Amino acid sequence: MGKHLDPLQKEFLIRRFRSNPNVKVSEFCDANHVSVGAFKKWLKQYEEGGLEGLARVDAEVGVILPEGVDRTEENYKREILKLRIENERLKKRYIVEMKDGEPIYIPLKPKNTQS
């Protein structure tokens, strides 16, 4: 039986996948050791229910965060996740501009390969 990911790990993978529009689902799933069917299911669940939608059916409904974890702390973690995604995008030399509410990925100038 495979390893079960918690909802935050699933959300992280979904955000990484969505941050790179050029990658195929099958390639992304192979690189992250996730089955294509499961990943597509997570995408659908995330679109319909957000983070709570990613909770396993047999898990306690409505209890995604561990006891004692404040929602504001969770918001900080989400912000860190967003910044990590943006950092990876910038490493690949892309910037994001919003046009009509949709993100547009604009490549920066290519690296200078001359010594």
Protein backbone atom coordinates (compact mmCIF):
# COMPACT_ATOMS: atom_id res chain seq x y z
CA MET A 1 0.00 0.00 0.00
CA GLY A 2 1.32 3.43 -0.94
CA LYS A 3 2.09 6.38 1.27
CA HIS A 4 -0.89 8.60 2.11
CA LEU A 5 -0.37 12.33 1.78
CA ASP A 6 -2.09 14.79 4.06
CA PRO A 7 -4.24 17.57 2.53
CA LEU A 8 -1.46 20.18 2.85
CA GLN A 9 0.97 17.99 0.91
CA LYS A 10 -1.65 17.42 -1.77
CA GLU A 11 -2.32 21.16 -1.99
CA PHE A 12 1.40 21.81 -2.34
CA LEU A 13 1.63 19.39 -5.28
CA ILE A 14 -1.44 20.93 -6.92
CA ARG A 15 -0.01 24.43 -6.62
CA ARG A 16 3.35 23.29 -8.01
CA PHE A 17 1.61 21.65 -10.95
CA ARG A 18 -0.51 24.72 -11.67
CA SER A 19 2.51 27.05 -11.44
CA ASN A 20 4.05 25.46 -14.53
CA PRO A 21 1.59 25.37 -17.45
CA ASN A 22 4.09 23.62 -19.75
CA VAL A 23 4.32 20.36 -17.80
CA LYS A 24 2.14 17.36 -18.62
CA VAL A 25 0.13 15.66 -15.89
CA SER A 26 1.78 12.30 -16.52
CA GLU A 27 5.31 13.74 -16.35
CA PHE A 28 4.50 15.66 -13.16
CA CYS A 29 2.98 12.59 -11.53
CA ASP A 30 5.96 10.40 -12.47
CA ALA A 31 8.39 12.96 -11.04
CA ASN A 32 6.45 13.18 -7.77
CA HIS A 33 5.64 9.46 -7.43
CA VAL A 34 1.85 9.95 -7.59
CA SER A 35 -0.57 8.05 -9.80
CA VAL A 36 -2.23 10.07 -12.55
CA GLY A 37 -5.71 8.95 -11.50
CA ALA A 38 -5.20 9.96 -7.89
CA PHE A 39 -3.75 13.33 -8.88
CA LYS A 40 -6.66 14.10 -11.21
CA LYS A 41 -9.03 13.18 -8.39
CA TRP A 42 -7.19 15.58 -6.06
CA LEU A 43 -7.46 18.35 -8.65
CA LYS A 44 -11.22 17.86 -8.88
CA GLN A 45 -11.62 17.68 -5.09
CA TYR A 46 -9.51 20.82 -4.64
CA GLU A 47 -11.54 22.76 -7.20
CA GLU A 48 -14.80 21.74 -5.54
CA GLY A 49 -13.90 21.98 -1.85
CA GLY A 50 -10.52 23.62 -1.44
CA LEU A 51 -8.25 22.25 1.26
CA GLU A 52 -11.15 20.62 3.09
CA GLY A 53 -12.05 18.77 -0.11
CA LEU A 54 -8.67 17.03 -0.06
CA ALA A 55 -9.28 15.36 3.31
CA ARG A 56 -9.63 11.59 3.11
CA VAL A 57 -13.14 10.22 3.37
CA ASP A 58 -12.28 8.06 6.37
CA ALA A 59 -10.62 10.98 8.17
CA GLU A 60 -12.56 13.01 10.68
CA VAL A 61 -14.62 15.47 8.66
CA GLY A 62 -13.80 19.11 9.29
CA VAL A 63 -10.63 18.44 11.27
CA ILE A 64 -7.74 19.02 8.91
CA LEU A 65 -5.53 21.10 11.15
CA PRO A 66 -4.01 19.46 14.21
CA GLU A 67 -5.32 20.49 17.60
CA GLY A 68 -3.77 23.68 18.88
CA VAL A 69 -2.87 25.01 15.44
CA ASP A 70 -4.29 28.45 14.92
CA ARG A 71 -5.91 29.34 11.60
CA THR A 72 -3.66 32.39 11.39
CA GLU A 73 -0.64 30.11 11.67
CA GLU A 74 -2.09 28.09 8.81
CA ASN A 75 -2.43 31.29 6.79
CA TYR A 76 1.26 32.00 7.36
CA LYS A 77 2.13 28.53 6.14
CA ARG A 78 0.05 29.08 3.00
CA GLU A 79 1.83 32.37 2.37
CA ILE A 80 5.19 30.61 2.72
CA LEU A 81 4.01 28.01 0.22
CA LYS A 82 2.99 30.73 -2.24
CA LEU A 83 6.38 32.39 -1.85
CA ARG A 84 8.18 29.09 -2.45
CA ILE A 85 6.23 28.59 -5.66
CA GLU A 86 7.02 32.14 -6.77
CA ASN A 87 10.69 31.55 -5.94
CA GLU A 88 10.79 28.43 -8.12
CA ARG A 89 9.11 30.34 -10.93
CA LEU A 90 11.70 33.11 -10.70
CA LYS A 91 14.53 30.57 -10.70
CA LYS A 92 13.20 29.38 -14.03
CA ARG A 93 13.27 33.02 -15.15
CA TYR A 94 9.53 33.71 -15.35
CA ILE A 95 7.52 36.59 -13.96
CA VAL A 96 3.77 36.67 -13.57
CA GLU A 97 1.52 39.54 -14.54
CA MET A 98 -2.22 39.59 -14.09
CA LYS A 99 -4.32 40.54 -17.11
CA ASP A 100 -8.11 40.41 -16.88
CA GLY A 101 -7.81 38.33 -13.71
CA GLU A 102 -5.71 35.63 -15.39
CA PRO A 103 -2.01 35.08 -14.72
CA ILE A 104 0.31 35.52 -17.69
CA TYR A 105 3.77 33.94 -17.48
CA ILE A 106 6.38 36.11 -19.17
CA PRO A 107 9.90 34.73 -19.71
CA LEU A 108 12.72 37.05 -18.73
CA LYS A 109 15.72 37.55 -20.93
CA PRO A 110 17.74 34.35 -21.40
CA LYS A 111 20.89 33.94 -19.36
CA ASN A 112 24.09 35.24 -20.89
CA THR A 113 26.12 32.15 -21.81
CA GLN A 114 29.25 34.06 -22.75
CA SER A 115 32.18 34.00 -20.33
